[in-house]
Amino acid sequence: MANLVAKATVLFNKLKAQARPQFDEFMRYAKVELVPPTPADFAHIRKTAQATAKSAKKDVKGAGSRLGKVTIAEAWLNTLVTIEVITWFFMGEVIGRRHLVGYKV
């Protein structure tokens, strides 16, 4: 039993020595990236959100005038892309189920 405890201690010390550089790198990034926001950050977030909202309103207004100017070629291409995306979605569902018709319950 003492031999097993000694081997476990040696193994633990080896693992700890090997994991130390990765853990130090994680802690270095965690100190920078995982800090809570400061009050100055909230002001910056508010300004960014307001600018984004103004930009989105302008884009929505411009989209209505563009709707009537879509050519037949663009509409056909958009239709084909939509069909392709839907097809790949359903193919993924079939592959995920490993069965063509519904889930096996």
N, C-alpha and C. Protein backbone atom coordinates (compact mmCIF):
# COMPACT_ATOMS: atom_id res chain seq x y z
N MET A 1 0.82 -1.19 0.00
CA MET A 1 0.00 0.00 0.00
C MET A 1 0.87 1.26 0.00
N ALA A 2 1.94 1.23 0.76
CA ALA A 2 2.84 2.37 0.81
C ALA A 2 3.48 2.60 -0.56
N ASN A 3 3.74 1.51 -1.27
CA ASN A 3 4.33 1.61 -2.60
C ASN A 3 3.35 2.31 -3.56
N LEU A 4 2.08 1.97 -3.44
CA LEU A 4 1.06 2.58 -4.29
C LEU A 4 0.92 4.07 -4.00
N VAL A 5 0.96 4.45 -2.75
CA VAL A 5 0.87 5.85 -2.36
C VAL A 5 2.09 6.61 -2.88
N ALA A 6 3.25 6.02 -2.81
CA ALA A 6 4.48 6.67 -3.30
C ALA A 6 4.40 6.86 -4.82
N LYS A 7 3.92 5.84 -5.53
CA LYS A 7 3.79 5.96 -6.99
C LYS A 7 2.76 7.02 -7.36
N ALA A 8 1.66 7.07 -6.62
CA ALA A 8 0.63 8.06 -6.89
C ALA A 8 1.17 9.47 -6.64
N THR A 9 1.96 9.64 -5.60
CA THR A 9 2.55 10.94 -5.29
C THR A 9 3.50 11.38 -6.39
N VAL A 10 4.33 10.45 -6.85
CA VAL A 10 5.27 10.76 -7.94
C VAL A 10 4.51 11.12 -9.21
N LEU A 11 3.46 10.36 -9.52
CA LEU A 11 2.65 10.63 -10.71
C LEU A 11 1.97 11.99 -10.61
N PHE A 12 1.44 12.30 -9.44
CA PHE A 12 0.79 13.59 -9.24
C PHE A 12 1.77 14.74 -9.41
N ASN A 13 2.97 14.59 -8.88
CA ASN A 13 3.98 15.65 -9.01
C ASN A 13 4.40 15.83 -10.46
N LYS A 14 4.50 14.74 -11.22
CA LYS A 14 4.84 14.84 -12.65
C LYS A 14 3.73 15.56 -13.41
N LEU A 15 2.48 15.19 -13.14
CA LEU A 15 1.35 15.83 -13.82
C LEU A 15 1.29 17.32 -13.48
N LYS A 16 1.54 17.64 -12.22
CA LYS A 16 1.50 19.03 -11.80
C LYS A 16 2.61 19.83 -12.49
N ALA A 17 3.78 19.25 -12.63
CA ALA A 17 4.89 19.94 -13.29
C ALA A 17 4.60 20.12 -14.79
N GLN A 18 3.96 19.14 -15.42
CA GLN A 18 3.65 19.25 -16.84
C GLN A 18 2.51 20.25 -17.09
N ALA A 19 1.57 20.33 -16.19
CA ALA A 19 0.42 21.20 -16.38
C ALA A 19 0.69 22.64 -15.97
N ARG A 20 1.77 22.89 -15.27
CA ARG A 20 2.04 24.22 -14.74
C ARG A 20 2.14 25.29 -15.83
N PRO A 21 2.88 25.09 -16.93
CA PRO A 21 2.95 26.15 -17.95
C PRO A 21 1.58 26.50 -18.56
N GLN A 22 0.77 25.49 -18.84
CA GLN A 22 -0.55 25.76 -19.39
C GLN A 22 -1.43 26.48 -18.37
N PHE A 23 -1.33 26.11 -17.12
CA PHE A 23 -2.12 26.75 -16.08
C PHE A 23 -1.69 28.21 -15.89
N ASP A 24 -0.38 28.46 -15.95
CA ASP A 24 0.10 29.83 -15.83
C ASP A 24 -0.40 30.70 -16.98
N GLU A 25 -0.39 30.14 -18.19
CA GLU A 25 -0.90 30.88 -19.34
C GLU A 25 -2.39 31.14 -19.20
N PHE A 26 -3.15 30.14 -18.73
CA PHE A 26 -4.58 30.33 -18.49
C PHE A 26 -4.82 31.44 -17.48
N MET A 27 -4.08 31.45 -16.40
CA MET A 27 -4.28 32.47 -15.37
C MET A 27 -3.90 33.86 -15.88
N ARG A 28 -2.88 33.96 -16.73
CA ARG A 28 -2.49 35.24 -17.29
C ARG A 28 -3.63 35.81 -18.14
N TYR A 29 -4.24 34.97 -18.99
CA TYR A 29 -5.37 35.43 -19.80
C TYR A 29 -6.62 35.66 -18.95
N ALA A 30 -6.83 34.84 -17.93
CA ALA A 30 -8.02 34.97 -17.10
C ALA A 30 -8.01 36.30 -16.34
N LYS A 31 -6.85 36.74 -15.90
CA LYS A 31 -6.76 38.01 -15.17
C LYS A 31 -7.14 39.18 -16.07
N VAL A 32 -6.90 39.06 -17.37
CA VAL A 32 -7.21 40.14 -18.29
C VAL A 32 -8.64 40.02 -18.82
N GLU A 33 -9.04 38.83 -19.23
CA GLU A 33 -10.29 38.64 -19.95
C GLU A 33 -11.51 38.42 -19.05
N LEU A 34 -11.32 37.93 -17.85
CA LEU A 34 -12.45 37.56 -17.00
C LEU A 34 -12.73 38.56 -15.89
N VAL A 35 -12.24 39.78 -16.04
CA VAL A 35 -12.52 40.79 -15.02
C VAL A 35 -13.90 41.39 -15.29
N PRO A 36 -14.62 41.80 -14.26
CA PRO A 36 -15.93 42.41 -14.49
C PRO A 36 -15.77 43.79 -15.14
N PRO A 37 -16.79 44.25 -15.83
CA PRO A 37 -16.68 45.55 -16.50
C PRO A 37 -16.65 46.70 -15.50
N THR A 38 -15.95 47.75 -15.88
CA THR A 38 -15.87 48.94 -15.05
C THR A 38 -16.95 49.92 -15.49
N PRO A 39 -17.24 50.95 -14.70
CA PRO A 39 -18.22 51.95 -15.12
C PRO A 39 -17.86 52.62 -16.46
N ALA A 40 -16.58 52.79 -16.74
CA ALA A 40 -16.17 53.37 -18.02
C ALA A 40 -16.54 52.44 -19.17
N ASP A 41 -16.47 51.15 -18.93
CA ASP A 41 -16.86 50.18 -19.96
C ASP A 41 -18.34 50.30 -20.29
N PHE A 42 -19.17 50.55 -19.29
CA PHE A 42 -20.61 50.68 -19.53
C PHE A 42 -20.91 51.89 -20.42
N ALA A 43 -20.18 52.99 -20.22
CA ALA A 43 -20.38 54.17 -21.06
C ALA A 43 -20.00 53.85 -22.50
N HIS A 44 -18.91 53.14 -22.69
CA HIS A 44 -18.48 52.76 -24.04
C HIS A 44 -19.50 51.81 -24.69
N ILE A 45 -20.03 50.88 -23.91
CA ILE A 45 -21.03 49.94 -24.43
C ILE A 45 -22.29 50.70 -24.85
N ARG A 46 -22.71 51.68 -24.05
CA ARG A 46 -23.91 52.46 -24.38
C ARG A 46 -23.70 53.23 -25.69
N LYS A 47 -22.54 53.86 -25.86
CA LYS A 47 -22.26 54.60 -27.10
C LYS A 47 -22.26 53.67 -28.31
N THR A 48 -21.65 52.51 -28.16
CA THR A 48 -21.59 51.54 -29.26
C THR A 48 -22.99 51.04 -29.61
N ALA A 49 -23.81 50.77 -28.60
CA ALA A 49 -25.17 50.28 -28.85
C ALA A 49 -26.01 51.34 -29.55
N GLN A 50 -25.86 52.60 -29.15
CA GLN A 50 -26.62 53.67 -29.80
C GLN A 50 -26.19 53.85 -31.25
N ALA A 51 -24.89 53.77 -31.51
CA ALA A 51 -24.40 53.89 -32.89
C ALA A 51 -24.90 52.72 -33.74
N THR A 52 -24.93 51.54 -33.17
CA THR A 52 -25.40 50.37 -33.89
C THR A 52 -26.90 50.48 -34.17
N ALA A 53 -27.65 50.99 -33.22
CA ALA A 53 -29.09 51.15 -33.43
C ALA A 53 -29.38 52.16 -34.53
N LYS A 54 -28.64 53.26 -34.56
CA LYS A 54 -28.82 54.24 -35.63
C LYS A 54 -28.48 53.63 -36.99
N SER A 55 -27.41 52.87 -37.03
CA SER A 55 -27.00 52.23 -38.29
C SER A 55 -28.04 51.22 -38.74
N ALA A 56 -28.60 50.47 -37.80
CA ALA A 56 -29.60 49.46 -38.15
C ALA A 56 -30.87 50.12 -38.68
N LYS A 57 -31.29 51.23 -38.08
CA LYS A 57 -32.48 51.94 -38.56
C LYS A 57 -32.26 52.45 -39.98
N LYS A 58 -31.06 52.95 -40.25
CA LYS A 58 -30.76 53.45 -41.58
C LYS A 58 -30.78 52.30 -42.59
N ASP A 59 -30.24 51.14 -42.21
CA ASP A 59 -30.22 49.98 -43.11
C ASP A 59 -31.63 49.48 -43.39
N VAL A 60 -32.50 49.48 -42.39
CA VAL A 60 -33.87 49.01 -42.58
C VAL A 60 -34.62 49.94 -43.52
N LYS A 61 -34.41 51.23 -43.37
CA LYS A 61 -35.07 52.18 -44.26
C LYS A 61 -34.58 52.00 -45.70
N GLY A 62 -33.30 51.73 -45.88
CA GLY A 62 -32.76 51.54 -47.21
C GLY A 62 -33.17 50.22 -47.83
N ALA A 63 -33.48 49.22 -47.01
CA ALA A 63 -33.84 47.90 -47.54
C ALA A 63 -35.20 47.93 -48.23
N GLY A 64 -36.12 48.76 -47.76
CA GLY A 64 -37.44 48.83 -48.38
C GLY A 64 -37.38 49.36 -49.80
N SER A 65 -36.50 50.31 -50.05
CA SER A 65 -36.40 50.85 -51.39
C SER A 65 -35.66 49.89 -52.31
N ARG A 66 -34.81 49.04 -51.78
CA ARG A 66 -34.05 48.09 -52.59
C ARG A 66 -34.90 46.89 -52.98
N LEU A 67 -35.94 46.61 -52.23
CA LEU A 67 -36.74 45.42 -52.46
C LEU A 67 -37.33 45.38 -53.87
N GLY A 68 -37.78 46.49 -54.37
CA GLY A 68 -38.36 46.53 -55.70
C GLY A 68 -37.34 46.57 -56.82
N LYS A 69 -36.05 46.69 -56.48
CA LYS A 69 -35.00 46.81 -57.49
C LYS A 69 -34.19 45.53 -57.66
N VAL A 70 -34.65 44.43 -57.11
CA VAL A 70 -33.95 43.16 -57.25
C VAL A 70 -34.21 42.61 -58.64
N THR A 71 -33.13 42.25 -59.32
CA THR A 71 -33.29 41.71 -60.67
C THR A 71 -33.73 40.25 -60.61
N ILE A 72 -34.16 39.73 -61.74
CA ILE A 72 -34.59 38.33 -61.81
C ILE A 72 -33.41 37.41 -61.51
N ALA A 73 -32.24 37.77 -62.01
CA ALA A 73 -31.05 36.93 -61.76
C ALA A 73 -30.71 36.89 -60.27
N GLU A 74 -30.77 38.05 -59.59
CA GLU A 74 -30.50 38.08 -58.16
C GLU A 74 -31.54 37.29 -57.37
N ALA A 75 -32.80 37.42 -57.75
CA ALA A 75 -33.86 36.68 -57.07
C ALA A 75 -33.68 35.19 -57.27
N TRP A 76 -33.33 34.78 -58.47
CA TRP A 76 -33.10 33.36 -58.75
C TRP A 76 -31.91 32.84 -57.95
N LEU A 77 -30.84 33.63 -57.88
CA LEU A 77 -29.66 33.22 -57.11
C LEU A 77 -30.00 33.12 -55.63
N ASN A 78 -30.75 34.08 -55.10
CA ASN A 78 -31.17 34.02 -53.69
C ASN A 78 -32.02 32.79 -53.42
N THR A 79 -32.89 32.44 -54.35
CA THR A 79 -33.73 31.25 -54.20
C THR A 79 -32.89 30.00 -54.18
N LEU A 80 -31.91 29.90 -55.08
CA LEU A 80 -31.05 28.72 -55.11
C LEU A 80 -30.20 28.59 -53.84
N VAL A 81 -29.70 29.70 -53.35
CA VAL A 81 -28.91 29.65 -52.11
C VAL A 81 -29.79 29.21 -50.95
N THR A 82 -31.00 29.71 -50.88
CA THR A 82 -31.93 29.31 -49.81
C THR A 82 -32.23 27.82 -49.89
N ILE A 83 -32.48 27.32 -51.09
CA ILE A 83 -32.75 25.89 -51.26
C ILE A 83 -31.54 25.07 -50.85
N GLU A 84 -30.33 25.53 -51.20
CA GLU A 84 -29.13 24.79 -50.82
C GLU A 84 -28.96 24.74 -49.31
N VAL A 85 -29.18 25.85 -48.64
CA VAL A 85 -29.04 25.88 -47.17
C VAL A 85 -30.05 24.95 -46.52
N ILE A 86 -31.29 24.99 -46.98
CA ILE A 86 -32.33 24.11 -46.42
C ILE A 86 -31.99 22.65 -46.68
N THR A 87 -31.50 22.35 -47.88
CA THR A 87 -31.13 20.96 -48.21
C THR A 87 -30.03 20.46 -47.30
N TRP A 88 -28.97 21.27 -47.11
CA TRP A 88 -27.88 20.83 -46.23
C TRP A 88 -28.35 20.69 -44.79
N PHE A 89 -29.29 21.52 -44.35
CA PHE A 89 -29.83 21.37 -43.00
C PHE A 89 -30.52 20.02 -42.85
N PHE A 90 -31.39 19.69 -43.81
CA PHE A 90 -32.11 18.42 -43.70
C PHE A 90 -31.19 17.22 -43.90
N MET A 91 -30.16 17.35 -44.73
CA MET A 91 -29.18 16.26 -44.87
C MET A 91 -28.45 16.05 -43.55
N GLY A 92 -28.13 17.13 -42.86
CA GLY A 92 -27.50 17.01 -41.54
C GLY A 92 -28.41 16.34 -40.54
N GLU A 93 -29.69 16.64 -40.62
CA GLU A 93 -30.65 15.97 -39.73
C GLU A 93 -30.69 14.48 -40.00
N VAL A 94 -30.71 14.10 -41.26
CA VAL A 94 -30.75 12.67 -41.62
C VAL A 94 -29.47 11.98 -41.15
N ILE A 95 -28.33 12.63 -41.35
CA ILE A 95 -27.06 12.04 -40.92
C ILE A 95 -27.04 11.92 -39.40
N GLY A 96 -27.53 12.95 -38.71
CA GLY A 96 -27.55 12.92 -37.25
C GLY A 96 -28.46 11.84 -36.68
N ARG A 97 -29.58 11.61 -37.36
CA ARG A 97 -30.51 10.57 -36.90
C ARG A 97 -30.03 9.19 -37.27
N ARG A 98 -29.19 9.12 -38.31
CA ARG A 98 -28.74 7.84 -38.87
C ARG A 98 -29.92 7.02 -39.37
N HIS A 99 -30.94 7.70 -39.82
CA HIS A 99 -32.14 7.04 -40.33
C HIS A 99 -32.86 8.05 -41.20
N LEU A 100 -33.45 7.59 -42.28
CA LEU A 100 -34.06 8.51 -43.22
C LEU A 100 -35.38 9.06 -42.73
N VAL A 101 -36.16 8.26 -41.99
CA VAL A 101 -37.52 8.67 -41.63
C VAL A 101 -37.63 8.75 -40.11
N GLY A 102 -37.46 9.90 -39.54
CA GLY A 102 -37.71 10.12 -38.12
C GLY A 102 -36.70 9.48 -37.19
N TYR A 103 -36.88 9.74 -35.92
CA TYR A 103 -36.00 9.22 -34.89
C TYR A 103 -36.49 7.85 -34.44
N LYS A 104 -35.53 6.97 -34.15
CA LYS A 104 -35.89 5.66 -33.60
C LYS A 104 -36.12 5.83 -32.11
N VAL A 105 -37.32 5.50 -31.65
CA VAL A 105 -37.66 5.69 -30.24
C VAL A 105 -37.66 4.35 -29.52
